[in-house]
């Protein structure tokens, strides 16, 4: 008969007790060096069990994913309690939300990354991404240390990737915002949101605020229920939705006002091509966030460098005359975004993130 392989010890669950009993029985049957060896093995096993429980000393986590803790209940991840987990990379990777073509913003943000490199005293590089999920995973995995997230994905980045929002673009009067707009071609027959029943309407992605969550929360009061009254087609990005309406690929689109205005200023659209059927109250705009495990001294220096920076001319033109980064607090300033999501039964937790990232069948 083949020799039976010994059971593999486990550290938790219903199979833990048999594993400990097997080691105890073996300890009783041996003496001398063997007895010491089994005693050490049993001690290591029990020590590992104790360590497994001691390692998770988080008293409050909220919606944060398992690696993170929110002991002060401000809704963002605390710095790791173990200083050995703090990161101070020689090269800092920075990424911008993929709401439009990433290479456009790589060029636009070069003066910013050059300023940060000089100010922080470390190399700062631009890290292009093609989707919201890719941007969130890049921070979660440690490939980027600073990210500029769009509004809806900011909340997922906080809970899934340990992102800590600290700034939005603005001016001397304060932070900028944007609105959800429902747009159609000017020559279409649609005059109000309810006219779009039975049509094809572009949303951007499941995690987007203006491109999905806000329409689901706000359109029903306008006589239009997304997914019931019209077919939702995910375009992937706001510029794809806008251009799709212009080309007649979609009957309408739910988009962010600031993206539409930027495209108009660049001459990508003629102002007469589109009409706005609905416009919401303002939402907070894209948030710049740092990874929760940045070494505190490096983090504080990085934040000061952001706050001290004044936008180059091209950045001011692109961002509606915003000229600086304005401090924000996620708990306070993203409350309206969380309320919109909760109003349609959505959460920004791991389960919702995995569901949104899963390809549609």
Protein backbone atom coordinates (compact mmCIF):
# COMPACT_ATOMS: atom_id res chain seq x y z
CA UNK A 1 0.00 0.00 0.00
CA UNK A 2 1.27 3.55 -0.69
CA UNK A 3 2.50 5.39 2.35
CA UNK A 4 -0.09 7.76 3.77
CA UNK A 5 0.99 11.39 3.71
CA UNK A 6 0.71 13.19 7.04
CA UNK A 7 -2.09 15.69 7.42
CA UNK A 8 -1.06 19.26 6.74
CA UNK A 9 -1.51 21.50 9.83
CA UNK A 10 -3.84 24.44 9.43
CA UNK A 11 -4.02 27.64 11.41
CA UNK A 12 -7.74 28.16 11.73
CA UNK A 13 -11.13 26.63 11.06
CA UNK A 14 -12.67 23.27 12.00
CA UNK A 15 -9.52 21.32 10.98
CA UNK A 16 -7.35 23.12 13.53
CA UNK A 17 -8.14 20.86 16.53
CA UNK A 18 -7.25 17.54 14.79
CA UNK A 19 -3.94 19.04 13.66
CA UNK A 20 -3.04 20.03 17.22
CA UNK A 21 -4.14 16.64 18.59
CA UNK A 22 -1.98 14.79 16.03
CA UNK A 23 1.07 16.73 17.17
CA UNK A 24 0.24 16.12 20.85
CA UNK A 25 -0.12 12.36 20.26
CA UNK A 26 3.19 12.28 18.45
CA UNK A 27 4.81 14.19 21.33
CA UNK A 28 3.59 11.54 23.80
CA UNK A 29 5.11 8.70 21.74
CA UNK A 30 8.65 10.09 21.46
CA UNK A 31 11.43 11.02 23.83
CA UNK A 32 14.79 12.82 23.83
CA UNK A 33 15.57 14.93 20.76
CA UNK A 34 12.38 13.84 19.00
CA UNK A 35 10.32 15.00 21.97
CA UNK A 36 12.02 18.39 21.92
CA UNK A 37 11.51 18.64 18.16
CA UNK A 38 7.79 17.95 18.45
CA UNK A 39 7.49 20.33 21.39
CA UNK A 40 9.06 23.08 19.28
CA UNK A 41 6.77 22.23 16.35
CA UNK A 42 3.70 22.42 18.56
CA UNK A 43 4.91 25.69 20.03
CA UNK A 44 5.49 27.18 16.59
CA UNK A 45 2.04 26.12 15.49
CA UNK A 46 0.36 27.65 18.51
CA UNK A 47 2.53 30.77 18.16
CA UNK A 48 1.50 31.13 14.53
CA UNK A 49 -2.14 30.89 15.56
CA UNK A 50 -1.68 33.60 18.16
CA UNK A 51 0.23 35.75 15.68
CA UNK A 52 -2.47 35.37 13.06
CA UNK A 53 -5.01 36.84 15.44
CA UNK A 54 -2.65 39.48 16.84
CA UNK A 55 -1.73 40.66 13.31
CA UNK A 56 -5.30 41.83 12.77
CA UNK A 57 -5.69 44.33 15.60
CA UNK A 58 -7.95 46.63 13.59
CA UNK A 59 -10.80 47.79 15.80
CA UNK A 60 -12.73 49.43 12.96
CA UNK A 61 -12.56 48.91 9.21
CA UNK A 62 -15.93 50.08 7.87
CA UNK A 63 -16.12 49.58 4.09
CA UNK A 64 -12.33 49.41 3.71
CA UNK A 65 -10.89 46.22 2.26
CA UNK A 66 -9.12 43.72 4.53
CA UNK A 67 -5.54 45.14 4.31
CA UNK A 68 -6.63 48.52 5.69
CA UNK A 69 -7.82 49.92 9.01
CA UNK A 70 -9.79 53.04 9.96
CA UNK A 71 -9.28 53.38 13.71
CA UNK A 72 -10.03 57.12 13.69
CA UNK A 73 -13.24 56.55 11.66
CA UNK A 74 -12.54 59.23 9.07
CA UNK A 75 -13.45 56.74 6.28
CA UNK A 76 -9.92 56.49 4.83
CA UNK A 77 -7.14 54.01 5.56
CA UNK A 78 -4.80 54.79 8.45
CA UNK A 79 -1.02 54.59 7.92
CA UNK A 80 0.26 51.10 8.77
CA UNK A 81 0.95 50.73 12.49
CA UNK A 82 4.11 48.78 11.64
CA UNK A 83 6.72 51.24 10.39
CA UNK A 84 8.36 48.49 8.39
CA UNK A 85 5.39 48.69 6.02
CA UNK A 86 5.90 52.39 5.25
CA UNK A 87 7.11 53.08 1.71
CA UNK A 88 9.53 55.75 0.55
CA UNK A 89 10.32 54.85 -3.09
CA UNK A 90 13.11 56.61 -4.95
CA UNK A 91 10.76 56.96 -7.94
CA UNK A 92 7.19 58.15 -7.38
CA UNK A 93 4.64 57.08 -9.99
CA UNK A 94 1.73 59.43 -10.69
CA UNK A 95 -1.35 58.68 -12.78
CA UNK A 96 -4.34 60.65 -14.09
CA UNK A 97 -7.91 59.42 -14.49
CA UNK A 98 -8.49 57.75 -17.88
CA UNK A 99 -11.61 59.78 -18.76
CA UNK A 100 -9.98 60.69 -22.08
CA UNK A 101 -6.87 59.75 -24.05
CA UNK A 102 -4.04 59.17 -21.49
CA UNK A 103 -1.26 60.54 -23.72
CA UNK A 104 -3.02 63.91 -23.85
CA UNK A 105 -2.62 64.31 -20.09
CA UNK A 106 0.90 62.92 -20.02
CA UNK A 107 1.96 65.95 -22.09
CA UNK A 108 -0.28 68.37 -20.21
CA UNK A 109 1.00 67.34 -16.78
CA UNK A 110 4.74 67.39 -17.56
CA UNK A 111 5.25 70.77 -15.84
CA UNK A 112 3.56 69.36 -12.72
CA UNK A 113 5.67 66.19 -12.60
CA UNK A 114 8.81 68.27 -13.20
CA UNK A 115 7.87 70.55 -10.29
CA UNK A 116 7.18 67.59 -8.02
CA UNK A 117 10.50 65.95 -8.91
CA UNK A 118 12.42 69.10 -8.01
CA UNK A 119 10.33 69.90 -4.93
CA UNK A 120 10.28 66.41 -3.42
CA UNK A 121 13.84 65.59 -4.44
CA UNK A 122 12.84 62.30 -6.06
CA UNK A 123 12.05 61.25 -9.60
CA UNK A 124 8.32 61.57 -10.38
CA UNK A 125 7.05 59.75 -13.49
CA UNK A 126 3.70 59.63 -15.25
CA UNK A 127 2.04 56.19 -15.28
CA UNK A 128 -0.66 55.93 -18.00
CA UNK A 129 -3.70 53.70 -17.45
CA UNK A 130 -6.56 52.75 -19.74
CA UNK A 131 -9.42 52.15 -17.28
CA UNK A 132 -10.65 53.09 -13.81
CA UNK A 133 -10.09 49.53 -12.62
CA UNK A 134 -6.49 49.55 -13.88
CA UNK A 135 -5.84 52.83 -12.05
CA UNK A 136 -7.26 51.49 -8.79
CA UNK A 137 -5.31 48.23 -9.05
CA UNK A 138 -2.11 50.15 -9.79
CA UNK A 139 -2.39 51.94 -6.44
CA UNK A 140 -3.50 48.81 -4.59
CA UNK A 141 -0.50 46.87 -5.86
CA UNK A 142 1.96 49.66 -5.06
CA UNK A 143 2.83 50.46 -8.69
CA UNK A 144 1.67 54.08 -8.21
CA UNK A 145 1.93 56.26 -5.13
CA UNK A 146 -0.15 59.26 -6.24
CA UNK A 147 -3.27 59.15 -8.42
CA UNK A 148 -5.75 61.67 -9.75
CA UNK A 149 -9.07 59.76 -9.65
CA UNK A 150 -12.39 60.80 -11.17
CA UNK A 151 -15.28 61.31 -8.78
CA UNK A 152 -16.96 57.89 -8.58
CA UNK A 153 -13.78 55.79 -8.72
CA UNK A 154 -12.33 57.94 -5.90
CA UNK A 155 -14.66 56.18 -3.45
CA UNK A 156 -13.67 52.74 -4.76
CA UNK A 157 -9.98 53.71 -4.61
CA UNK A 158 -10.38 54.71 -0.96
CA UNK A 159 -11.94 51.38 0.03
CA UNK A 160 -10.17 48.98 -2.33
CA UNK A 161 -6.72 50.52 -2.77
CA UNK A 162 -6.10 52.47 0.44
CA UNK A 163 -6.14 55.81 -1.39
CA UNK A 164 -6.29 58.97 0.74
CA UNK A 165 -7.74 61.96 -1.19
CA UNK A 166 -6.12 65.27 -0.30
CA UNK A 167 -6.82 67.77 -3.10
CA UNK A 168 -8.98 68.80 -6.03
CA UNK A 169 -8.32 71.46 -8.63
CA UNK A 170 -9.61 74.95 -7.91
CA UNK A 171 -8.70 78.60 -7.59
CA UNK A 172 -8.46 81.32 -4.93
CA UNK A 173 -12.22 81.06 -4.33
CA UNK A 174 -12.11 77.33 -3.61
CA UNK A 175 -12.63 73.95 -5.22
CA UNK A 176 -14.10 73.37 -8.66
CA UNK A 177 -17.05 71.08 -9.28
CA UNK A 178 -18.86 69.60 -12.25
CA UNK A 179 -22.41 68.60 -13.20
CA UNK A 180 -24.05 65.54 -14.68
CA UNK A 181 -25.41 66.38 -18.12
CA UNK A 182 -27.77 64.41 -20.33
CA UNK A 183 -26.91 65.35 -23.92
CA UNK A 184 -28.45 64.67 -27.33
CA UNK A 185 -27.76 65.82 -30.86
CA UNK A 186 -29.19 69.25 -31.57
CA UNK A 187 -31.10 67.97 -34.59
CA UNK A 188 -32.78 65.13 -32.67
CA UNK A 189 -36.47 65.10 -31.77
CA UNK A 190 -35.82 64.63 -28.03
CA UNK A 191 -36.88 67.61 -25.92
CA UNK A 192 -36.97 66.22 -22.38
CA UNK A 193 -35.48 63.16 -20.59
CA UNK A 194 -38.75 61.21 -20.80
CA UNK A 195 -38.57 61.33 -24.60
CA UNK A 196 -35.64 58.88 -24.48
CA UNK A 197 -37.74 55.88 -23.49
CA UNK A 198 -36.88 52.92 -25.68
CA UNK A 199 -33.65 54.52 -26.94
CA UNK A 200 -29.91 53.77 -26.59
CA UNK A 201 -28.23 55.94 -23.93
CA UNK A 202 -24.49 55.86 -23.26
CA UNK A 203 -23.14 55.53 -19.73
CA UNK A 204 -19.37 55.49 -19.28
CA UNK A 205 -18.57 52.70 -16.78
CA UNK A 206 -20.26 51.06 -13.77
CA UNK A 207 -18.00 52.85 -11.26
CA UNK A 208 -18.45 56.36 -12.70
CA UNK A 209 -20.47 58.91 -10.74
CA UNK A 210 -21.74 61.17 -13.54
CA UNK A 211 -21.42 58.37 -16.08
CA UNK A 212 -23.57 55.82 -14.22
CA UNK A 213 -24.41 56.16 -10.52
CA UNK A 214 -25.80 59.71 -10.60
CA UNK A 215 -28.04 59.02 -13.64
CA UNK A 216 -29.49 55.99 -11.86
CA UNK A 217 -30.22 58.12 -8.79
CA UNK A 218 -31.40 61.34 -10.46
CA UNK A 219 -33.04 60.45 -13.79
CA UNK A 220 -36.11 58.69 -12.30
CA UNK A 221 -37.33 62.03 -10.91
CA UNK A 222 -37.15 63.29 -14.51
CA UNK A 223 -39.43 60.50 -15.72
CA UNK A 224 -36.65 58.24 -17.00
CA UNK A 225 -35.44 55.06 -15.28
CA UNK A 226 -32.05 53.84 -16.57
CA UNK A 227 -32.07 50.20 -17.60
CA UNK A 228 -35.88 50.02 -17.57
CA UNK A 229 -36.89 52.92 -19.81
CA UNK A 230 -33.81 52.85 -22.02
CA UNK A 231 -30.98 50.52 -22.96
CA UNK A 232 -27.69 51.35 -21.20
CA UNK A 233 -24.57 51.05 -23.37
CA UNK A 234 -21.22 51.44 -21.58
CA UNK A 235 -18.85 53.45 -23.78
CA UNK A 236 -15.79 53.23 -21.49
CA UNK A 237 -15.00 56.96 -21.31
CA UNK A 238 -16.77 60.32 -21.31
CA UNK A 239 -15.23 61.45 -24.60
CA UNK A 240 -16.36 58.18 -26.21
CA UNK A 241 -19.93 58.86 -25.04
CA UNK A 242 -19.87 62.45 -26.32
CA UNK A 243 -18.42 61.60 -29.71
CA UNK A 244 -20.79 58.63 -29.96
CA UNK A 245 -23.77 60.99 -29.67
CA UNK A 246 -22.26 63.32 -32.28
CA UNK A 247 -21.78 60.39 -34.69
CA UNK A 248 -25.25 59.00 -34.04
CA UNK A 249 -24.03 55.81 -32.31
CA UNK A 250 -26.08 56.69 -29.20
CA UNK A 251 -29.33 58.62 -28.92
CA UNK A 252 -28.10 60.35 -25.77
CA UNK A 253 -25.34 60.19 -23.16
CA UNK A 254 -24.86 60.90 -19.47
CA UNK A 255 -21.57 62.78 -19.15
CA UNK A 256 -19.55 65.09 -16.92
CA UNK A 257 -19.91 68.77 -17.77
CA UNK A 258 -16.22 69.55 -17.38
CA UNK A 259 -15.18 66.92 -19.96
CA UNK A 260 -17.75 68.26 -22.43
CA UNK A 261 -16.54 71.83 -21.91
CA UNK A 262 -12.88 70.86 -22.34
CA UNK A 263 -13.64 69.11 -25.63
CA UNK A 264 -15.55 72.15 -26.85
CA UNK A 265 -12.65 74.50 -25.97
CA UNK A 266 -10.21 72.29 -27.87
CA UNK A 267 -12.36 72.51 -30.96
CA UNK A 268 -13.21 68.79 -30.93
CA UNK A 269 -16.90 69.70 -31.00
CA UNK A 270 -18.93 72.44 -32.58
CA UNK A 271 -21.16 74.01 -29.94
CA UNK A 272 -24.20 73.70 -32.18
CA UNK A 273 -23.96 69.89 -32.46
CA UNK A 274 -25.37 69.05 -29.01
CA UNK A 275 -28.18 70.04 -26.67
CA UNK A 276 -28.49 69.49 -22.92
CA UNK A 277 -31.76 67.90 -21.75
CA UNK A 278 -30.85 67.77 -18.06
CA UNK A 279 -28.22 69.27 -15.76
CA UNK A 280 -27.67 68.31 -12.11
CA UNK A 281 -26.45 70.26 -9.10
CA UNK A 282 -22.62 70.32 -8.77
CA UNK A 283 -20.52 67.36 -7.63
CA UNK A 284 -16.90 67.38 -6.39
CA UNK A 285 -14.44 66.98 -9.22
CA UNK A 286 -11.50 64.57 -9.60
CA UNK A 287 -9.48 63.97 -6.42
CA UNK A 288 -5.73 63.64 -6.07
CA UNK A 289 -4.89 60.91 -3.56
CA UNK A 290 -1.77 59.39 -2.05
CA UNK A 291 -1.21 55.76 -1.06
CA UNK A 292 -1.94 55.24 2.64
CA UNK A 293 1.42 53.56 3.28
CA UNK A 294 3.65 56.43 2.13
CA UNK A 295 6.29 57.25 4.74
CA UNK A 296 4.79 60.20 6.69
CA UNK A 297 7.66 62.64 6.18
CA UNK A 298 7.67 61.96 2.43
CA UNK A 299 3.87 62.19 2.35
CA UNK A 300 3.84 65.58 4.09
CA UNK A 301 6.52 66.96 1.79
CA UNK A 302 4.63 65.70 -1.27
CA UNK A 303 1.39 67.33 -0.13
CA UNK A 304 3.11 70.68 0.44
CA UNK A 305 4.60 70.49 -3.05
CA UNK A 306 1.12 69.94 -4.53
CA UNK A 307 -0.47 72.78 -2.54
CA UNK A 308 2.33 75.22 -3.42
CA UNK A 309 2.16 74.50 -7.16
CA UNK A 310 0.48 76.97 -9.52
CA UNK A 311 -0.79 75.55 -12.80
CA UNK A 312 1.01 76.25 -16.05
CA UNK A 313 -0.94 78.13 -18.73
CA UNK A 314 -1.92 74.96 -20.62
CA UNK A 315 -3.26 73.37 -17.43
CA UNK A 316 -5.30 76.48 -16.59
CA UNK A 317 -6.85 76.51 -20.05
CA UNK A 318 -7.62 72.79 -19.87
CA UNK A 319 -9.10 72.89 -16.37
CA UNK A 320 -11.49 75.87 -16.71
CA UNK A 321 -9.03 78.41 -15.28
CA UNK A 322 -8.28 76.36 -12.16
CA UNK A 323 -4.78 77.35 -11.07
CA UNK A 324 -4.02 75.32 -7.93
CA UNK A 325 -4.76 72.27 -5.79
CA UNK A 326 -7.28 72.90 -3.01
CA UNK A 327 -7.30 70.70 0.13
CA UNK A 328 -10.25 68.33 0.62
CA UNK A 329 -11.43 65.79 3.17
CA UNK A 330 -13.00 62.64 1.81
CA UNK A 331 -15.40 62.16 4.73
CA UNK A 332 -16.94 65.61 4.23
CA UNK A 333 -16.47 66.41 0.55
CA UNK A 334 -17.50 63.03 -0.91
CA UNK A 335 -20.61 62.69 1.25
CA UNK A 336 -22.90 63.64 -1.67
CA UNK A 337 -21.28 61.00 -3.88
CA UNK A 338 -21.78 58.29 -1.26
CA UNK A 339 -25.37 59.41 -0.77
CA UNK A 340 -26.09 59.15 -4.50
CA UNK A 341 -24.69 55.62 -4.58
CA UNK A 342 -26.61 54.56 -1.50
CA UNK A 343 -29.77 56.03 -3.02
CA UNK A 344 -29.63 53.47 -5.82
CA UNK A 345 -28.56 50.60 -3.56
CA UNK A 346 -24.88 50.74 -4.51
CA UNK A 347 -21.86 50.58 -2.21
CA UNK A 348 -18.19 51.28 -2.77
CA UNK A 349 -16.99 48.02 -1.17
CA UNK A 350 -15.10 45.00 -2.49
CA UNK A 351 -18.24 43.11 -3.52
CA UNK A 352 -19.54 46.03 -5.57
CA UNK A 353 -16.10 46.63 -7.09
CA UNK A 354 -15.70 43.01 -8.19
CA UNK A 355 -19.21 43.08 -9.66
CA UNK A 356 -18.50 46.28 -11.58
CA UNK A 357 -15.18 44.96 -12.89
CA UNK A 358 -16.69 41.65 -14.06
CA UNK A 359 -17.22 41.61 -17.87
CA UNK A 360 -20.86 41.73 -18.89
CA UNK A 361 -22.30 38.50 -20.28
